[in-house]
Amino acid sequence: AKKHKLTIKSITTSGSKDSGEYGIMPIDLSIAGSFESVYAFIQSLEQMNRLLSINRMSIRRESVNRLDVRFVIHLIFHNQEEQ
């Protein structure tokens, strides 16, 4: 987010959820910035080496060229429990 000149308002996690072989860690992320910066940030999420999904996203216009965006991103990881 900082790379794309976005203001990070908050980042929180709510623990992980087990889903069989895989786990999901929800991350609640609130950022602000221009449309171009937010779009570039979403593109960088798509290019990450980690599997994730944007579960929820809300966008609110703060001013002419500034958006307030809240994401709930699910990071997906392989459970490595001993068998």
PDB file of N, CA and C in Angstrom:
ATOM      1  N   ALA A   1       0.831  -1.194   0.000  1.00  0.00           N
ATOM      2  CA  ALA A   1       0.000   0.000   0.000  1.00  0.00           C
ATOM      3  C   ALA A   1       0.872   1.253   0.000  1.00  0.00           C
ATOM      4  N   LYS A   2       1.936   1.246   0.806  1.00  0.00           N
ATOM      5  CA  LYS A   2       2.819   2.412   0.851  1.00  0.00           C
ATOM      6  C   LYS A   2       3.522   2.623  -0.487  1.00  0.00           C
ATOM      7  N   LYS A   3       3.871   1.527  -1.163  1.00  0.00           N
ATOM      8  CA  LYS A   3       4.522   1.602  -2.469  1.00  0.00           C
ATOM      9  C   LYS A   3       3.650   2.369  -3.465  1.00  0.00           C
ATOM     10  N   HIS A   4       2.339   2.255  -3.320  1.00  0.00           N
ATOM     11  CA  HIS A   4       1.398   2.915  -4.229  1.00  0.00           C
ATOM     12  C   HIS A   4       0.905   4.249  -3.679  1.00  0.00           C
ATOM     13  N   LYS A   5       1.589   4.766  -2.658  1.00  0.00           N
ATOM     14  CA  LYS A   5       1.283   6.070  -2.051  1.00  0.00           C
ATOM     15  C   LYS A   5      -0.138   6.138  -1.489  1.00  0.00           C
ATOM     16  N   LEU A   6      -0.549   5.028  -0.865  1.00  0.00           N
ATOM     17  CA  LEU A   6      -1.846   4.978  -0.210  1.00  0.00           C
ATOM     18  C   LEU A   6      -1.670   5.240   1.279  1.00  0.00           C
ATOM     19  N   THR A   7      -2.666   5.831   1.886  1.00  0.00           N
ATOM     20  CA  THR A   7      -2.681   6.021   3.326  1.00  0.00           C
ATOM     21  C   THR A   7      -3.311   4.782   3.949  1.00  0.00           C
ATOM     22  N   ILE A   8      -2.593   4.142   4.859  1.00  0.00           N
ATOM     23  CA  ILE A   8      -3.131   2.968   5.555  1.00  0.00           C
ATOM     24  C   ILE A   8      -3.852   3.466   6.800  1.00  0.00           C
ATOM     25  N   LYS A   9      -5.158   3.272   6.835  1.00  0.00           N
ATOM     26  CA  LYS A   9      -5.950   3.710   7.982  1.00  0.00           C
ATOM     27  C   LYS A   9      -5.970   2.659   9.074  1.00  0.00           C
ATOM     28  N   SER A  10      -6.110   1.384   8.678  1.00  0.00           N
ATOM     29  CA  SER A  10      -6.082   0.314   9.676  1.00  0.00           C
ATOM     30  C   SER A  10      -5.866  -1.031   8.997  1.00  0.00           C
ATOM     31  N   ILE A  11      -5.256  -1.939   9.768  1.00  0.00           N
ATOM     32  CA  ILE A  11      -5.089  -3.330   9.345  1.00  0.00           C
ATOM     33  C   ILE A  11      -5.362  -4.189  10.575  1.00  0.00           C
ATOM     34  N   THR A  12      -6.300  -5.118  10.442  1.00  0.00           N
ATOM     35  CA  THR A  12      -6.568  -6.036  11.546  1.00  0.00           C
ATOM     36  C   THR A  12      -6.772  -7.443  10.996  1.00  0.00           C
ATOM     37  N   THR A  13      -6.465  -8.424  11.822  1.00  0.00           N
ATOM     38  CA  THR A  13      -6.742  -9.813  11.477  1.00  0.00           C
ATOM     39  C   THR A  13      -7.708 -10.349  12.523  1.00  0.00           C
ATOM     40  N   SER A  14      -8.461 -11.353  12.124  1.00  0.00           N
ATOM     41  CA  SER A  14      -9.412 -11.919  13.080  1.00  0.00           C
ATOM     42  C   SER A  14      -9.156 -13.409  13.275  1.00  0.00           C
ATOM     43  N   GLY A  15      -7.879 -13.779  13.311  1.00  0.00           N
ATOM     44  CA  GLY A  15      -7.540 -15.182  13.507  1.00  0.00           C
ATOM     45  C   GLY A  15      -7.698 -15.961  12.220  1.00  0.00           C
ATOM     46  N   SER A  16      -7.254 -17.185  12.248  1.00  0.00           N
ATOM     47  CA  SER A  16      -7.364 -18.010  11.041  1.00  0.00           C
ATOM     48  C   SER A  16      -8.463 -19.048  11.208  1.00  0.00           C
ATOM     49  N   LYS A  17      -8.974 -19.493  10.078  1.00  0.00           N
ATOM     50  CA  LYS A  17     -10.017 -20.517  10.061  1.00  0.00           C
ATOM     51  C   LYS A  17      -9.468 -21.720   9.320  1.00  0.00           C
ATOM     52  N   ASP A  18      -9.640 -22.892   9.887  1.00  0.00           N
ATOM     53  CA  ASP A  18      -9.219 -24.109   9.208  1.00  0.00           C
ATOM     54  C   ASP A  18     -10.317 -24.571   8.272  1.00  0.00           C
ATOM     55  N   SER A  19      -9.899 -24.952   7.088  1.00  0.00           N
ATOM     56  CA  SER A  19     -10.839 -25.464   6.098  1.00  0.00           C
ATOM     57  C   SER A  19     -10.241 -26.718   5.490  1.00  0.00           C
ATOM     58  N   GLY A  20     -10.050 -27.736   6.339  1.00  0.00           N
ATOM     59  CA  GLY A  20      -9.450 -28.979   5.875  1.00  0.00           C
ATOM     60  C   GLY A  20      -7.963 -28.824   5.650  1.00  0.00           C
ATOM     61  N   GLU A  21      -7.533 -29.078   4.443  1.00  0.00           N
ATOM     62  CA  GLU A  21      -6.108 -29.022   4.103  1.00  0.00           C
ATOM     63  C   GLU A  21      -5.584 -27.591   4.077  1.00  0.00           C
ATOM     64  N   TYR A  22      -6.476 -26.620   3.930  1.00  0.00           N
ATOM     65  CA  TYR A  22      -6.067 -25.224   3.819  1.00  0.00           C
ATOM     66  C   TYR A  22      -6.655 -24.397   4.950  1.00  0.00           C
ATOM     67  N   GLY A  23      -5.965 -23.326   5.270  1.00  0.00           N
ATOM     68  CA  GLY A  23      -6.441 -22.382   6.258  1.00  0.00           C
ATOM     69  C   GLY A  23      -6.684 -21.038   5.609  1.00  0.00           C
ATOM     70  N   ILE A  24      -7.512 -20.224   6.227  1.00  0.00           N
ATOM     71  CA  ILE A  24      -7.827 -18.894   5.716  1.00  0.00           C
ATOM     72  C   ILE A  24      -7.593 -17.887   6.827  1.00  0.00           C
ATOM     73  N   MET A  25      -6.831 -16.842   6.515  1.00  0.00           N
ATOM     74  CA  MET A  25      -6.627 -15.765   7.468  1.00  0.00           C
ATOM     75  C   MET A  25      -7.269 -14.498   6.914  1.00  0.00           C
ATOM     76  N   PRO A  26      -8.399 -14.064   7.502  1.00  0.00           N
ATOM     77  CA  PRO A  26      -9.045 -12.834   7.049  1.00  0.00           C
ATOM     78  C   PRO A  26      -8.262 -11.602   7.524  1.00  0.00           C
ATOM     79  N   ILE A  27      -8.049 -10.671   6.627  1.00  0.00           N
ATOM     80  CA  ILE A  27      -7.383  -9.409   6.946  1.00  0.00           C
ATOM     81  C   ILE A  27      -8.321  -8.283   6.552  1.00  0.00           C
ATOM     82  N   ASP A  28      -8.621  -7.422   7.513  1.00  0.00           N
ATOM     83  CA  ASP A  28      -9.466  -6.256   7.274  1.00  0.00           C
ATOM     84  C   ASP A  28      -8.530  -5.072   7.067  1.00  0.00           C
ATOM     85  N   LEU A  29      -8.561  -4.491   5.876  1.00  0.00           N
ATOM     86  CA  LEU A  29      -7.630  -3.438   5.493  1.00  0.00           C
ATOM     87  C   LEU A  29      -8.411  -2.217   5.049  1.00  0.00           C
ATOM     88  N   SER A  30      -8.090  -1.069   5.629  1.00  0.00           N
ATOM     89  CA  SER A  30      -8.724   0.183   5.251  1.00  0.00           C
ATOM     90  C   SER A  30      -7.639   1.131   4.758  1.00  0.00           C
ATOM     91  N   ILE A  31      -7.805   1.624   3.512  1.00  0.00           N
ATOM     92  CA  ILE A  31      -6.815   2.506   2.897  1.00  0.00           C
ATOM     93  C   ILE A  31      -7.513   3.697   2.260  1.00  0.00           C
ATOM     94  N   ALA A  32      -6.718   4.718   1.908  1.00  0.00           N
ATOM     95  CA  ALA A  32      -7.250   5.884   1.206  1.00  0.00           C
ATOM     96  C   ALA A  32      -6.214   6.340   0.188  1.00  0.00           C
ATOM     97  N   GLY A  33      -6.702   6.826  -0.942  1.00  0.00           N
ATOM     98  CA  GLY A  33      -5.820   7.336  -1.977  1.00  0.00           C
ATOM     99  C   GLY A  33      -6.580   7.574  -3.263  1.00  0.00           C
ATOM    100  N   SER A  34      -5.844   7.883  -4.314  1.00  0.00           N
ATOM    101  CA  SER A  34      -6.458   8.141  -5.615  1.00  0.00           C
ATOM    102  C   SER A  34      -6.949   6.836  -6.233  1.00  0.00           C
ATOM    103  N   PHE A  35      -7.833   6.973  -7.216  1.00  0.00           N
ATOM    104  CA  PHE A  35      -8.333   5.791  -7.918  1.00  0.00           C
ATOM    105  C   PHE A  35      -7.176   5.015  -8.534  1.00  0.00           C
ATOM    106  N   GLU A  36      -6.249   5.732  -9.161  1.00  0.00           N
ATOM    107  CA  GLU A  36      -5.115   5.087  -9.815  1.00  0.00           C
ATOM    108  C   GLU A  36      -4.276   4.292  -8.825  1.00  0.00           C
ATOM    109  N   SER A  37      -4.049   4.844  -7.641  1.00  0.00           N
ATOM    110  CA  SER A  37      -3.260   4.161  -6.616  1.00  0.00           C
ATOM    111  C   SER A  37      -3.973   2.916  -6.095  1.00  0.00           C
ATOM    112  N   VAL A  38      -5.269   3.031  -5.871  1.00  0.00           N
ATOM    113  CA  VAL A  38      -6.050   1.885  -5.383  1.00  0.00           C
ATOM    114  C   VAL A  38      -6.060   0.785  -6.445  1.00  0.00           C
ATOM    115  N   TYR A  39      -6.234   1.169  -7.705  1.00  0.00           N
ATOM    116  CA  TYR A  39      -6.249   0.188  -8.786  1.00  0.00           C
ATOM    117  C   TYR A  39      -4.901  -0.513  -8.901  1.00  0.00           C
ATOM    118  N   ALA A  40      -3.800   0.240  -8.810  1.00  0.00           N
ATOM    119  CA  ALA A  40      -2.458  -0.352  -8.865  1.00  0.00           C
ATOM    120  C   ALA A  40      -2.245  -1.301  -7.686  1.00  0.00           C
ATOM    121  N   PHE A  41      -2.776  -0.952  -6.517  1.00  0.00           N
ATOM    122  CA  PHE A  41      -2.665  -1.817  -5.341  1.00  0.00           C
ATOM    123  C   PHE A  41      -3.393  -3.141  -5.574  1.00  0.00           C
ATOM    124  N   ILE A  42      -4.601  -3.083  -6.133  1.00  0.00           N
ATOM    125  CA  ILE A  42      -5.350  -4.304  -6.415  1.00  0.00           C
ATOM    126  C   ILE A  42      -4.592  -5.169  -7.424  1.00  0.00           C
ATOM    127  N   GLN A  43      -3.996  -4.548  -8.427  1.00  0.00           N
ATOM    128  CA  GLN A  43      -3.201  -5.301  -9.401  1.00  0.00           C
ATOM    129  C   GLN A  43      -2.001  -5.966  -8.733  1.00  0.00           C
ATOM    130  N   SER A  44      -1.377  -5.289  -7.774  1.00  0.00           N
ATOM    131  CA  SER A  44      -0.230  -5.900  -7.079  1.00  0.00           C
ATOM    132  C   SER A  44      -0.677  -7.085  -6.219  1.00  0.00           C
ATOM    133  N   LEU A  45      -1.895  -7.039  -5.676  1.00  0.00           N
ATOM    134  CA  LEU A  45      -2.425  -8.193  -4.935  1.00  0.00           C
ATOM    135  C   LEU A  45      -2.574  -9.396  -5.867  1.00  0.00           C
ATOM    136  N   GLU A  46      -3.035  -9.139  -7.092  1.00  0.00           N
ATOM    137  CA  GLU A  46      -3.204 -10.215  -8.071  1.00  0.00           C
ATOM    138  C   GLU A  46      -1.887 -10.885  -8.423  1.00  0.00           C
ATOM    139  N   GLN A  47      -0.792 -10.151  -8.331  1.00  0.00           N
ATOM    140  CA  GLN A  47       0.506 -10.662  -8.741  1.00  0.00           C
ATOM    141  C   GLN A  47       1.318 -11.263  -7.599  1.00  0.00           C
ATOM    142  N   MET A  48       0.748 -11.302  -6.406  1.00  0.00           N
ATOM    143  CA  MET A  48       1.458 -11.874  -5.264  1.00  0.00           C
ATOM    144  C   MET A  48       1.693 -13.363  -5.452  1.00  0.00           C
ATOM    145  N   ASN A  49       2.734 -13.871  -4.821  1.00  0.00           N
ATOM    146  CA  ASN A  49       3.022 -15.304  -4.862  1.00  0.00           C
ATOM    147  C   ASN A  49       2.159 -16.099  -3.888  1.00  0.00           C
ATOM    148  N   ARG A  50       1.293 -15.453  -3.193  1.00  0.00           N
ATOM    149  CA  ARG A  50       0.415 -16.093  -2.210  1.00  0.00           C
ATOM    150  C   ARG A  50      -1.013 -16.092  -2.740  1.00  0.00           C
ATOM    151  N   LEU A  51      -1.714 -17.201  -2.522  1.00  0.00           N
ATOM    152  CA  LEU A  51      -3.100 -17.302  -2.934  1.00  0.00           C
ATOM    153  C   LEU A  51      -3.960 -16.472  -1.988  1.00  0.00           C
ATOM    154  N   LEU A  52      -4.801 -15.616  -2.550  1.00  0.00           N
ATOM    155  CA  LEU A  52      -5.695 -14.797  -1.734  1.00  0.00           C
ATOM    156  C   LEU A  52      -6.942 -14.482  -2.526  1.00  0.00           C
ATOM    157  N   SER A  53      -7.953 -14.055  -1.817  1.00  0.00           N
ATOM    158  CA  SER A  53      -9.170 -13.575  -2.473  1.00  0.00           C
ATOM    159  C   SER A  53      -9.640 -12.323  -1.753  1.00  0.00           C
ATOM    160  N   ILE A  54     -10.193 -11.399  -2.529  1.00  0.00           N
ATOM    161  CA  ILE A  54     -10.822 -10.229  -1.934  1.00  0.00           C
ATOM    162  C   ILE A  54     -12.261 -10.644  -1.655  1.00  0.00           C
ATOM    163  N   ASN A  55     -12.547 -10.825  -0.386  1.00  0.00           N
ATOM    164  CA  ASN A  55     -13.851 -11.338   0.023  1.00  0.00           C
ATOM    165  C   ASN A  55     -14.909 -10.243  -0.015  1.00  0.00           C
ATOM    166  N   ARG A  56     -14.523  -9.047   0.394  1.00  0.00           N
ATOM    167  CA  ARG A  56     -15.436  -7.909   0.431  1.00  0.00           C
ATOM    168  C   ARG A  56     -14.658  -6.640   0.126  1.00  0.00           C
ATOM    169  N   MET A  57     -15.310  -5.694  -0.519  1.00  0.00           N
ATOM    170  CA  MET A  57     -14.673  -4.414  -0.771  1.00  0.00           C
ATOM    171  C   MET A  57     -15.756  -3.340  -0.795  1.00  0.00           C
ATOM    172  N   SER A  58     -15.509  -2.253  -0.078  1.00  0.00           N
ATOM    173  CA  SER A  58     -16.429  -1.114  -0.132  1.00  0.00           C
ATOM    174  C   SER A  58     -15.614   0.129  -0.483  1.00  0.00           C
ATOM    175  N   ILE A  59     -16.174   0.949  -1.337  1.00  0.00           N
ATOM    176  CA  ILE A  59     -15.484   2.145  -1.822  1.00  0.00           C
ATOM    177  C   ILE A  59     -16.368   3.348  -1.548  1.00  0.00           C
ATOM    178  N   ARG A  60     -15.741   4.376  -0.978  1.00  0.00           N
ATOM    179  CA  ARG A  60     -16.453   5.630  -0.702  1.00  0.00           C
ATOM    180  C   ARG A  60     -15.584   6.780  -1.178  1.00  0.00           C
ATOM    181  N   ARG A  61     -16.180   7.721  -1.846  1.00  0.00           N
ATOM    182  CA  ARG A  61     -15.436   8.884  -2.334  1.00  0.00           C
ATOM    183  C   ARG A  61     -15.301   9.903  -1.201  1.00  0.00           C
ATOM    184  N   GLU A  62     -14.041  10.266  -0.870  1.00  0.00           N
ATOM    185  CA  GLU A  62     -13.793  11.285   0.150  1.00  0.00           C
ATOM    186  C   GLU A  62     -13.784  12.681  -0.455  1.00  0.00           C
ATOM    187  N   SER A  63     -13.173  12.809  -1.641  1.00  0.00           N
ATOM    188  CA  SER A  63     -13.114  14.091  -2.340  1.00  0.00           C
ATOM    189  C   SER A  63     -12.986  13.808  -3.833  1.00  0.00           C
ATOM    190  N   VAL A  64     -12.687  14.835  -4.620  1.00  0.00           N
ATOM    191  CA  VAL A  64     -12.648  14.691  -6.070  1.00  0.00           C
ATOM    192  C   VAL A  64     -11.701  13.576  -6.512  1.00  0.00           C
ATOM    193  N   ASN A  65     -10.497  13.506  -5.936  1.00  0.00           N
ATOM    194  CA  ASN A  65      -9.534  12.493  -6.366  1.00  0.00           C
ATOM    195  C   ASN A  65      -9.038  11.649  -5.192  1.00  0.00           C
ATOM    196  N   ARG A  66      -9.920  11.356  -4.247  1.00  0.00           N
ATOM    197  CA  ARG A  66      -9.511  10.550  -3.096  1.00  0.00           C
ATOM    198  C   ARG A  66     -10.625   9.597  -2.710  1.00  0.00           C
ATOM    199  N   LEU A  67     -10.267   8.315  -2.637  1.00  0.00           N
ATOM    200  CA  LEU A  67     -11.208   7.268  -2.260  1.00  0.00           C
ATOM    201  C   LEU A  67     -10.859   6.710  -0.888  1.00  0.00           C
ATOM    202  N   ASP A  68     -11.869   6.283  -0.173  1.00  0.00           N
ATOM    203  CA  ASP A  68     -11.705   5.548   1.073  1.00  0.00           C
ATOM    204  C   ASP A  68     -12.166   4.123   0.760  1.00  0.00           C
ATOM    205  N   VAL A  69     -11.253   3.144   0.889  1.00  0.00           N
ATOM    206  CA  VAL A  69     -11.558   1.769   0.485  1.00  0.00           C
ATOM    207  C   VAL A  69     -11.316   0.832   1.655  1.00  0.00           C
ATOM    208  N   ARG A  70     -12.251  -0.080   1.855  1.00  0.00           N
ATOM    209  CA  ARG A  70     -12.102  -1.104   2.887  1.00  0.00           C
ATOM    210  C   ARG A  70     -12.186  -2.470   2.210  1.00  0.00           C
ATOM    211  N   PHE A  71     -11.179  -3.302   2.475  1.00  0.00           N
ATOM    212  CA  PHE A  71     -11.117  -4.650   1.932  1.00  0.00           C
ATOM    213  C   PHE A  71     -11.193  -5.658   3.066  1.00  0.00           C
ATOM    214  N   VAL A  72     -11.797  -6.789   2.807  1.00  0.00           N
ATOM    215  CA  VAL A  72     -11.593  -7.966   3.637  1.00  0.00           C
ATOM    216  C   VAL A  72     -10.941  -8.967   2.690  1.00  0.00           C
ATOM    217  N   ILE A  73      -9.653  -9.214   2.943  1.00  0.00           N
ATOM    218  CA  ILE A  73      -8.856 -10.091   2.095  1.00  0.00           C
ATOM    219  C   ILE A  73      -8.665 -11.408   2.831  1.00  0.00           C
ATOM    220  N   HIS A  74      -8.848 -12.519   2.139  1.00  0.00           N
ATOM    221  CA  HIS A  74      -8.615 -13.838   2.719  1.00  0.00           C
ATOM    222  C   HIS A  74      -7.306 -14.390   2.175  1.00  0.00           C
ATOM    223  N   LEU A  75      -6.287 -14.486   3.046  1.00  0.00           N
ATOM    224  CA  LEU A  75      -5.044 -15.146   2.678  1.00  0.00           C
ATOM    225  C   LEU A  75      -5.254 -16.642   2.864  1.00  0.00           C
ATOM    226  N   ILE A  76      -4.914 -17.407   1.868  1.00  0.00           N
ATOM    227  CA  ILE A  76      -5.133 -18.858   1.910  1.00  0.00           C
ATOM    228  C   ILE A  76      -3.781 -19.538   2.014  1.00  0.00           C
ATOM    229  N   PHE A  77      -3.657 -20.449   2.970  1.00  0.00           N
ATOM    230  CA  PHE A  77      -2.378 -21.119   3.186  1.00  0.00           C
ATOM    231  C   PHE A  77      -2.599 -22.603   3.430  1.00  0.00           C
ATOM    232  N   HIS A  78      -1.565 -23.361   3.200  1.00  0.00           N
ATOM    233  CA  HIS A  78      -1.614 -24.813   3.370  1.00  0.00           C
ATOM    234  C   HIS A  78      -1.377 -25.137   4.840  1.00  0.00           C
ATOM    235  N   ASN A  79      -2.290 -25.888   5.444  1.00  0.00           N
ATOM    236  CA  ASN A  79      -2.110 -26.328   6.834  1.00  0.00           C
ATOM    237  C   ASN A  79      -0.997 -27.366   6.868  1.00  0.00           C
ATOM    238  N   GLN A  80      -0.063 -27.193   7.760  1.00  0.00           N
ATOM    239  CA  GLN A  80       1.048 -28.140   7.861  1.00  0.00           C
ATOM    240  C   GLN A  80       1.016 -28.855   9.198  1.00  0.00           C
ATOM    241  N   GLU A  81      -0.143 -29.398   9.519  1.00  0.00           N
ATOM    242  CA  GLU A  81      -0.282 -30.145  10.764  1.00  0.00           C
ATOM    243  C   GLU A  81       0.452 -31.477  10.629  1.00  0.00           C
ATOM    244  N   GLU A  82       1.024 -31.906  11.727  1.00  0.00           N
ATOM    245  CA  GLU A  82       1.698 -33.216  11.711  1.00  0.00           C
ATOM    246  C   GLU A  82       0.650 -34.308  11.701  1.00  0.00           C
ATOM    247  N   GLN A  83       0.925 -35.358  10.918  1.00  0.00           N
ATOM    248  CA  GLN A  83      -0.039 -36.444  10.793  1.00  0.00           C
ATOM    249  C   GLN A  83       0.453 -37.685  11.461  1.00  0.00           C
TER     250      GLN A  83
END
